[in-house]
Amino acid sequence: METHIIKSTPKGQVTLPKKWRAKFNTDLYVLQITDSGIQIKPVDVSELTASEEVLFDADKDNDGKGVTTDEMITLLKKIQRERN
């Protein structure tokens, strides 16, 4: 197992080492909080099931500017209404 200590940017962003990113055929990752830390797993879109979908891609959606919490809540409510 390879380990690196990395520092976050002032915005809280971290960069995964290029060698690690190249190992997986994706630029999507699932981040999950656990009792012991943060778990990051690569996502292969071709393996997603019908019950899973990508809600937001910061590079492609909203010109990479991100969204506020209120905007994200609005988007999630819209998706929920469309499903009902």
PDB file of N, CA and C in Angstrom:
ATOM      1  N   MET A   1       0.849  -1.172   0.000  1.00  0.00           N
ATOM      2  CA  MET A   1       0.000   0.000   0.000  1.00  0.00           C
ATOM      3  C   MET A   1       0.897   1.238   0.000  1.00  0.00           C
ATOM      4  N   GLU A   2       0.577   2.169  -0.881  1.00  0.00           N
ATOM      5  CA  GLU A   2       1.331   3.411  -0.984  1.00  0.00           C
ATOM      6  C   GLU A   2       0.616   4.498  -0.188  1.00  0.00           C
ATOM      7  N   THR A   3       1.367   5.285   0.561  1.00  0.00           N
ATOM      8  CA  THR A   3       0.785   6.330   1.391  1.00  0.00           C
ATOM      9  C   THR A   3       1.467   7.657   1.107  1.00  0.00           C
ATOM     10  N   HIS A   4       0.676   8.720   1.050  1.00  0.00           N
ATOM     11  CA  HIS A   4       1.193  10.076   0.882  1.00  0.00           C
ATOM     12  C   HIS A   4       0.517  10.979   1.900  1.00  0.00           C
ATOM     13  N   ILE A   5       1.240  11.940   2.419  1.00  0.00           N
ATOM     14  CA  ILE A   5       0.641  12.991   3.226  1.00  0.00           C
ATOM     15  C   ILE A   5       0.519  14.194   2.309  1.00  0.00           C
ATOM     16  N   ILE A   6      -0.708  14.702   2.173  1.00  0.00           N
ATOM     17  CA  ILE A   6      -0.932  15.847   1.295  1.00  0.00           C
ATOM     18  C   ILE A   6      -1.586  16.965   2.084  1.00  0.00           C
ATOM     19  N   LYS A   7      -1.419  18.174   1.607  1.00  0.00           N
ATOM     20  CA  LYS A   7      -1.965  19.349   2.272  1.00  0.00           C
ATOM     21  C   LYS A   7      -3.131  19.885   1.452  1.00  0.00           C
ATOM     22  N   SER A   8      -4.175  20.305   2.122  1.00  0.00           N
ATOM     23  CA  SER A   8      -5.314  20.867   1.397  1.00  0.00           C
ATOM     24  C   SER A   8      -5.043  22.329   1.055  1.00  0.00           C
ATOM     25  N   THR A   9      -5.735  22.800   0.020  1.00  0.00           N
ATOM     26  CA  THR A   9      -5.646  24.201  -0.374  1.00  0.00           C
ATOM     27  C   THR A   9      -6.439  25.037   0.635  1.00  0.00           C
ATOM     28  N   PRO A  10      -6.332  26.360   0.566  1.00  0.00           N
ATOM     29  CA  PRO A  10      -7.147  27.201   1.460  1.00  0.00           C
ATOM     30  C   PRO A  10      -8.653  26.953   1.315  1.00  0.00           C
ATOM     31  N   LYS A  11      -9.087  26.443   0.144  1.00  0.00           N
ATOM     32  CA  LYS A  11     -10.506  26.122  -0.064  1.00  0.00           C
ATOM     33  C   LYS A  11     -10.855  24.726   0.441  1.00  0.00           C
ATOM     34  N   GLY A  12      -9.880  23.997   0.980  1.00  0.00           N
ATOM     35  CA  GLY A  12     -10.142  22.651   1.491  1.00  0.00           C
ATOM     36  C   GLY A  12     -10.014  21.563   0.452  1.00  0.00           C
ATOM     37  N   GLN A  13      -9.496  21.889  -0.723  1.00  0.00           N
ATOM     38  CA  GLN A  13      -9.362  20.909  -1.796  1.00  0.00           C
ATOM     39  C   GLN A  13      -8.055  20.124  -1.634  1.00  0.00           C
ATOM     40  N   VAL A  14      -8.101  18.869  -2.060  1.00  0.00           N
ATOM     41  CA  VAL A  14      -6.894  18.041  -2.084  1.00  0.00           C
ATOM     42  C   VAL A  14      -6.740  17.465  -3.487  1.00  0.00           C
ATOM     43  N   THR A  15      -5.517  17.199  -3.873  1.00  0.00           N
ATOM     44  CA  THR A  15      -5.244  16.611  -5.178  1.00  0.00           C
ATOM     45  C   THR A  15      -4.754  15.195  -4.981  1.00  0.00           C
ATOM     46  N   LEU A  16      -5.409  14.262  -5.651  1.00  0.00           N
ATOM     47  CA  LEU A  16      -4.956  12.880  -5.610  1.00  0.00           C
ATOM     48  C   LEU A  16      -3.730  12.771  -6.517  1.00  0.00           C
ATOM     49  N   PRO A  17      -2.694  12.058  -6.099  1.00  0.00           N
ATOM     50  CA  PRO A  17      -1.507  11.916  -6.945  1.00  0.00           C
ATOM     51  C   PRO A  17      -1.874  11.383  -8.330  1.00  0.00           C
ATOM     52  N   LYS A  18      -1.228  11.913  -9.355  1.00  0.00           N
ATOM     53  CA  LYS A  18      -1.515  11.541 -10.742  1.00  0.00           C
ATOM     54  C   LYS A  18      -1.412  10.032 -10.955  1.00  0.00           C
ATOM     55  N   LYS A  19      -0.414   9.427 -10.350  1.00  0.00           N
ATOM     56  CA  LYS A  19      -0.219   7.981 -10.488  1.00  0.00           C
ATOM     57  C   LYS A  19      -1.435   7.214  -9.963  1.00  0.00           C
ATOM     58  N   TRP A  20      -2.037   7.702  -8.892  1.00  0.00           N
ATOM     59  CA  TRP A  20      -3.227   7.059  -8.340  1.00  0.00           C
ATOM     60  C   TRP A  20      -4.420   7.251  -9.273  1.00  0.00           C
ATOM     61  N   ARG A  21      -4.609   8.486  -9.762  1.00  0.00           N
ATOM     62  CA  ARG A  21      -5.737   8.760 -10.661  1.00  0.00           C
ATOM     63  C   ARG A  21      -5.626   7.943 -11.941  1.00  0.00           C
ATOM     64  N   ALA A  22      -4.414   7.765 -12.441  1.00  0.00           N
ATOM     65  CA  ALA A  22      -4.191   7.030 -13.688  1.00  0.00           C
ATOM     66  C   ALA A  22      -4.518   5.545 -13.538  1.00  0.00           C
ATOM     67  N   LYS A  23      -4.499   5.058 -12.322  1.00  0.00           N
ATOM     68  CA  LYS A  23      -4.759   3.630 -12.077  1.00  0.00           C
ATOM     69  C   LYS A  23      -6.220   3.252 -12.362  1.00  0.00           C
ATOM     70  N   PHE A  24      -7.118   4.237 -12.301  1.00  0.00           N
ATOM     71  CA  PHE A  24      -8.546   3.976 -12.482  1.00  0.00           C
ATOM     72  C   PHE A  24      -9.047   4.714 -13.713  1.00  0.00           C
ATOM     73  N   ASN A  25      -9.983   4.134 -14.415  1.00  0.00           N
ATOM     74  CA  ASN A  25     -10.507   4.722 -15.646  1.00  0.00           C
ATOM     75  C   ASN A  25     -11.704   5.621 -15.341  1.00  0.00           C
ATOM     76  N   THR A  26     -11.502   6.620 -14.475  1.00  0.00           N
ATOM     77  CA  THR A  26     -12.597   7.503 -14.085  1.00  0.00           C
ATOM     78  C   THR A  26     -12.045   8.806 -13.535  1.00  0.00           C
ATOM     79  N   ASP A  27     -12.883   9.821 -13.561  1.00  0.00           N
ATOM     80  CA  ASP A  27     -12.552  11.065 -12.869  1.00  0.00           C
ATOM     81  C   ASP A  27     -13.627  11.376 -11.830  1.00  0.00           C
ATOM     82  N   LEU A  28     -14.408  10.352 -11.480  1.00  0.00           N
ATOM     83  CA  LEU A  28     -15.459  10.473 -10.469  1.00  0.00           C
ATOM     84  C   LEU A  28     -15.093   9.648  -9.250  1.00  0.00           C
ATOM     85  N   TYR A  29     -15.348  10.198  -8.087  1.00  0.00           N
ATOM     86  CA  TYR A  29     -15.012   9.515  -6.842  1.00  0.00           C
ATOM     87  C   TYR A  29     -16.147   9.673  -5.845  1.00  0.00           C
ATOM     88  N   VAL A  30     -16.344   8.656  -5.015  1.00  0.00           N
ATOM     89  CA  VAL A  30     -17.296   8.709  -3.920  1.00  0.00           C
ATOM     90  C   VAL A  30     -16.487   8.998  -2.665  1.00  0.00           C
ATOM     91  N   LEU A  31     -16.887  10.026  -1.936  1.00  0.00           N
ATOM     92  CA  LEU A  31     -16.257  10.337  -0.663  1.00  0.00           C
ATOM     93  C   LEU A  31     -17.240   9.997   0.439  1.00  0.00           C
ATOM     94  N   GLN A  32     -16.744   9.305   1.451  1.00  0.00           N
ATOM     95  CA  GLN A  32     -17.619   8.886   2.539  1.00  0.00           C
ATOM     96  C   GLN A  32     -16.915   9.148   3.866  1.00  0.00           C
ATOM     97  N   ILE A  33     -17.630   9.757   4.769  1.00  0.00           N
ATOM     98  CA  ILE A  33     -17.119   9.995   6.119  1.00  0.00           C
ATOM     99  C   ILE A  33     -17.301   8.716   6.918  1.00  0.00           C
ATOM    100  N   THR A  34     -16.267   8.302   7.615  1.00  0.00           N
ATOM    101  CA  THR A  34     -16.353   7.145   8.505  1.00  0.00           C
ATOM    102  C   THR A  34     -15.949   7.596   9.907  1.00  0.00           C
ATOM    103  N   ASP A  35     -16.086   6.719  10.878  1.00  0.00           N
ATOM    104  CA  ASP A  35     -15.672   7.074  12.237  1.00  0.00           C
ATOM    105  C   ASP A  35     -14.175   7.349  12.320  1.00  0.00           C
ATOM    106  N   SER A  36     -13.404   6.735  11.423  1.00  0.00           N
ATOM    107  CA  SER A  36     -11.954   6.881  11.501  1.00  0.00           C
ATOM    108  C   SER A  36     -11.367   7.848  10.478  1.00  0.00           C
ATOM    109  N   GLY A  37     -12.189   8.397   9.578  1.00  0.00           N
ATOM    110  CA  GLY A  37     -11.642   9.323   8.597  1.00  0.00           C
ATOM    111  C   GLY A  37     -12.529   9.482   7.377  1.00  0.00           C
ATOM    112  N   ILE A  38     -11.897   9.769   6.249  1.00  0.00           N
ATOM    113  CA  ILE A  38     -12.595   9.951   4.981  1.00  0.00           C
ATOM    114  C   ILE A  38     -12.156   8.849   4.034  1.00  0.00           C
ATOM    115  N   GLN A  39     -13.110   8.201   3.419  1.00  0.00           N
ATOM    116  CA  GLN A  39     -12.824   7.135   2.464  1.00  0.00           C
ATOM    117  C   GLN A  39     -13.128   7.650   1.060  1.00  0.00           C
ATOM    118  N   ILE A  40     -12.181   7.460   0.139  1.00  0.00           N
ATOM    119  CA  ILE A  40     -12.347   7.903  -1.243  1.00  0.00           C
ATOM    120  C   ILE A  40     -12.278   6.671  -2.140  1.00  0.00           C
ATOM    121  N   LYS A  41     -13.315   6.485  -2.958  1.00  0.00           N
ATOM    122  CA  LYS A  41     -13.346   5.341  -3.872  1.00  0.00           C
ATOM    123  C   LYS A  41     -13.618   5.821  -5.287  1.00  0.00           C
ATOM    124  N   PRO A  42     -12.898   5.281  -6.277  1.00  0.00           N
ATOM    125  CA  PRO A  42     -13.187   5.648  -7.667  1.00  0.00           C
ATOM    126  C   PRO A  42     -14.529   5.067  -8.083  1.00  0.00           C
ATOM    127  N   VAL A  43     -15.213   5.781  -8.999  1.00  0.00           N
ATOM    128  CA  VAL A  43     -16.506   5.333  -9.501  1.00  0.00           C
ATOM    129  C   VAL A  43     -16.372   5.087 -10.994  1.00  0.00           C
ATOM    130  N   ASP A  44     -16.778   3.915 -11.434  1.00  0.00           N
ATOM    131  CA  ASP A  44     -16.841   3.603 -12.859  1.00  0.00           C
ATOM    132  C   ASP A  44     -18.291   3.797 -13.276  1.00  0.00           C
ATOM    133  N   VAL A  45     -18.562   4.831 -14.062  1.00  0.00           N
ATOM    134  CA  VAL A  45     -19.933   5.168 -14.439  1.00  0.00           C
ATOM    135  C   VAL A  45     -20.636   3.994 -15.097  1.00  0.00           C
ATOM    136  N   SER A  46     -19.912   3.183 -15.846  1.00  0.00           N
ATOM    137  CA  SER A  46     -20.533   2.040 -16.512  1.00  0.00           C
ATOM    138  C   SER A  46     -21.048   1.002 -15.517  1.00  0.00           C
ATOM    139  N   GLU A  47     -20.582   1.073 -14.269  1.00  0.00           N
ATOM    140  CA  GLU A  47     -21.020   0.110 -13.256  1.00  0.00           C
ATOM    141  C   GLU A  47     -22.144   0.648 -12.370  1.00  0.00           C
ATOM    142  N   LEU A  48     -22.568   1.895 -12.600  1.00  0.00           N
ATOM    143  CA  LEU A  48     -23.654   2.448 -11.798  1.00  0.00           C
ATOM    144  C   LEU A  48     -24.953   1.718 -12.104  1.00  0.00           C
ATOM    145  N   THR A  49     -25.765   1.540 -11.081  1.00  0.00           N
ATOM    146  CA  THR A  49     -27.062   0.897 -11.274  1.00  0.00           C
ATOM    147  C   THR A  49     -28.108   1.966 -11.564  1.00  0.00           C
ATOM    148  N   ALA A  50     -29.290   1.539 -11.904  1.00  0.00           N
ATOM    149  CA  ALA A  50     -30.366   2.480 -12.223  1.00  0.00           C
ATOM    150  C   ALA A  50     -30.721   3.354 -11.031  1.00  0.00           C
ATOM    151  N   SER A  51     -30.421   2.898  -9.818  1.00  0.00           N
ATOM    152  CA  SER A  51     -30.770   3.683  -8.628  1.00  0.00           C
ATOM    153  C   SER A  51     -29.694   4.702  -8.275  1.00  0.00           C
ATOM    154  N   GLU A  52     -28.585   4.734  -9.023  1.00  0.00           N
ATOM    155  CA  GLU A  52     -27.506   5.668  -8.742  1.00  0.00           C
ATOM    156  C   GLU A  52     -27.320   6.618  -9.923  1.00  0.00           C
ATOM    157  N   GLU A  53     -27.014   7.850  -9.619  1.00  0.00           N
ATOM    158  CA  GLU A  53     -26.752   8.808 -10.679  1.00  0.00           C
ATOM    159  C   GLU A  53     -25.809   9.884 -10.171  1.00  0.00           C
ATOM    160  N   VAL A  54     -25.123  10.516 -11.089  1.00  0.00           N
ATOM    161  CA  VAL A  54     -24.251  11.631 -10.754  1.00  0.00           C
ATOM    162  C   VAL A  54     -25.116  12.883 -10.712  1.00  0.00           C
ATOM    163  N   LEU A  55     -25.160  13.561  -9.568  1.00  0.00           N
ATOM    164  CA  LEU A  55     -25.998  14.739  -9.411  1.00  0.00           C
ATOM    165  C   LEU A  55     -25.310  16.005  -9.874  1.00  0.00           C
ATOM    166  N   PHE A  56     -24.003  16.099  -9.666  1.00  0.00           N
ATOM    167  CA  PHE A  56     -23.307  17.333  -9.979  1.00  0.00           C
ATOM    168  C   PHE A  56     -21.855  17.036 -10.289  1.00  0.00           C
ATOM    169  N   ASP A  57     -21.373  17.602 -11.358  1.00  0.00           N
ATOM    170  CA  ASP A  57     -19.973  17.482 -11.749  1.00  0.00           C
ATOM    171  C   ASP A  57     -19.424  18.901 -11.801  1.00  0.00           C
ATOM    172  N   ALA A  58     -18.606  19.286 -10.843  1.00  0.00           N
ATOM    173  CA  ALA A  58     -18.145  20.664 -10.710  1.00  0.00           C
ATOM    174  C   ALA A  58     -17.406  21.157 -11.948  1.00  0.00           C
ATOM    175  N   ASP A  59     -16.725  20.279 -12.667  1.00  0.00           N
ATOM    176  CA  ASP A  59     -16.008  20.698 -13.869  1.00  0.00           C
ATOM    177  C   ASP A  59     -16.956  20.974 -15.033  1.00  0.00           C
ATOM    178  N   LYS A  60     -18.065  20.264 -15.094  1.00  0.00           N
ATOM    179  CA  LYS A  60     -18.965  20.374 -16.240  1.00  0.00           C
ATOM    180  C   LYS A  60     -20.192  21.230 -15.960  1.00  0.00           C
ATOM    181  N   ASP A  61     -20.678  21.201 -14.727  1.00  0.00           N
ATOM    182  CA  ASP A  61     -21.892  21.925 -14.367  1.00  0.00           C
ATOM    183  C   ASP A  61     -21.540  23.287 -13.763  1.00  0.00           C
ATOM    184  N   ASN A  62     -22.300  24.289 -14.104  1.00  0.00           N
ATOM    185  CA  ASN A  62     -22.146  25.623 -13.529  1.00  0.00           C
ATOM    186  C   ASN A  62     -20.748  26.201 -13.766  1.00  0.00           C
ATOM    187  N   ASP A  63     -20.149  25.877 -14.897  1.00  0.00           N
ATOM    188  CA  ASP A  63     -18.840  26.401 -15.287  1.00  0.00           C
ATOM    189  C   ASP A  63     -17.759  26.186 -14.228  1.00  0.00           C
ATOM    190  N   GLY A  64     -17.857  25.125 -13.463  1.00  0.00           N
ATOM    191  CA  GLY A  64     -16.848  24.812 -12.460  1.00  0.00           C
ATOM    192  C   GLY A  64     -16.874  25.716 -11.243  1.00  0.00           C
ATOM    193  N   LYS A  65     -17.934  26.517 -11.084  1.00  0.00           N
ATOM    194  CA  LYS A  65     -18.008  27.464  -9.976  1.00  0.00           C
ATOM    195  C   LYS A  65     -18.575  26.843  -8.708  1.00  0.00           C
ATOM    196  N   GLY A  66     -19.119  25.645  -8.826  1.00  0.00           N
ATOM    197  CA  GLY A  66     -19.768  25.039  -7.669  1.00  0.00           C
ATOM    198  C   GLY A  66     -21.137  25.651  -7.447  1.00  0.00           C
ATOM    199  N   VAL A  67     -21.802  25.226  -6.403  1.00  0.00           N
ATOM    200  CA  VAL A  67     -23.125  25.754  -6.074  1.00  0.00           C
ATOM    201  C   VAL A  67     -23.195  26.002  -4.579  1.00  0.00           C
ATOM    202  N   THR A  68     -24.079  26.904  -4.192  1.00  0.00           N
ATOM    203  CA  THR A  68     -24.297  27.153  -2.773  1.00  0.00           C
ATOM    204  C   THR A  68     -25.135  26.010  -2.203  1.00  0.00           C
ATOM    205  N   THR A  69     -25.204  25.947  -0.900  1.00  0.00           N
ATOM    206  CA  THR A  69     -26.023  24.923  -0.247  1.00  0.00           C
ATOM    207  C   THR A  69     -27.484  25.068  -0.657  1.00  0.00           C
ATOM    208  N   ASP A  70     -27.958  26.307  -0.705  1.00  0.00           N
ATOM    209  CA  ASP A  70     -29.360  26.541  -1.103  1.00  0.00           C
ATOM    210  C   ASP A  70     -29.621  26.055  -2.521  1.00  0.00           C
ATOM    211  N   GLU A  71     -28.671  26.316  -3.444  1.00  0.00           N
ATOM    212  CA  GLU A  71     -28.834  25.858  -4.827  1.00  0.00           C
ATOM    213  C   GLU A  71     -28.850  24.331  -4.895  1.00  0.00           C
ATOM    214  N   MET A  72     -27.984  23.671  -4.114  1.00  0.00           N
ATOM    215  CA  MET A  72     -27.948  22.208  -4.108  1.00  0.00           C
ATOM    216  C   MET A  72     -29.257  21.646  -3.569  1.00  0.00           C
ATOM    217  N   ILE A  73     -29.780  22.237  -2.509  1.00  0.00           N
ATOM    218  CA  ILE A  73     -31.061  21.772  -1.954  1.00  0.00           C
ATOM    219  C   ILE A  73     -32.167  21.926  -2.986  1.00  0.00           C
ATOM    220  N   THR A  74     -32.182  23.060  -3.698  1.00  0.00           N
ATOM    221  CA  THR A  74     -33.177  23.282  -4.740  1.00  0.00           C
ATOM    222  C   THR A  74     -33.073  22.218  -5.828  1.00  0.00           C
ATOM    223  N   LEU A  75     -31.842  21.917  -6.252  1.00  0.00           N
ATOM    224  CA  LEU A  75     -31.633  20.879  -7.274  1.00  0.00           C
ATOM    225  C   LEU A  75     -32.116  19.514  -6.788  1.00  0.00           C
ATOM    226  N   LEU A  76     -31.806  19.168  -5.537  1.00  0.00           N
ATOM    227  CA  LEU A  76     -32.225  17.873  -4.995  1.00  0.00           C
ATOM    228  C   LEU A  76     -33.740  17.782  -4.894  1.00  0.00           C
ATOM    229  N   LYS A  77     -34.390  18.871  -4.478  1.00  0.00           N
ATOM    230  CA  LYS A  77     -35.853  18.874  -4.400  1.00  0.00           C
ATOM    231  C   LYS A  77     -36.473  18.722  -5.785  1.00  0.00           C
ATOM    232  N   LYS A  78     -35.873  19.369  -6.791  1.00  0.00           N
ATOM    233  CA  LYS A  78     -36.366  19.253  -8.162  1.00  0.00           C
ATOM    234  C   LYS A  78     -36.277  17.806  -8.642  1.00  0.00           C
ATOM    235  N   ILE A  79     -35.151  17.152  -8.383  1.00  0.00           N
ATOM    236  CA  ILE A  79     -34.988  15.753  -8.768  1.00  0.00           C
ATOM    237  C   ILE A  79     -36.017  14.880  -8.070  1.00  0.00           C
ATOM    238  N   GLN A  80     -36.238  15.148  -6.779  1.00  0.00           N
ATOM    239  CA  GLN A  80     -37.222  14.369  -6.030  1.00  0.00           C
ATOM    240  C   GLN A  80     -38.630  14.548  -6.615  1.00  0.00           C
ATOM    241  N   ARG A  81     -38.992  15.790  -6.963  1.00  0.00           N
ATOM    242  CA  ARG A  81     -40.323  16.032  -7.564  1.00  0.00           C
ATOM    243  C   ARG A  81     -40.465  15.298  -8.895  1.00  0.00           C
ATOM    244  N   GLU A  82     -39.394  15.310  -9.693  1.00  0.00           N
ATOM    245  CA  GLU A  82     -39.438  14.648 -11.004  1.00  0.00           C
ATOM    246  C   GLU A  82     -39.587  13.133 -10.862  1.00  0.00           C
ATOM    247  N   ARG A  83     -39.080  12.578  -9.791  1.00  0.00           N
ATOM    248  CA  ARG A  83     -39.176  11.127  -9.579  1.00  0.00           C
ATOM    249  C   ARG A  83     -40.541  10.712  -9.040  1.00  0.00           C
ATOM    250  N   ASN A  84     -41.233  11.648  -8.380  1.00  0.00           N
ATOM    251  CA  ASN A  84     -42.548  11.320  -7.785  1.00  0.00           C
ATOM    252  C   ASN A  84     -43.662  11.509  -8.743  1.00  0.00           C
TER     253      ASN A  84
END
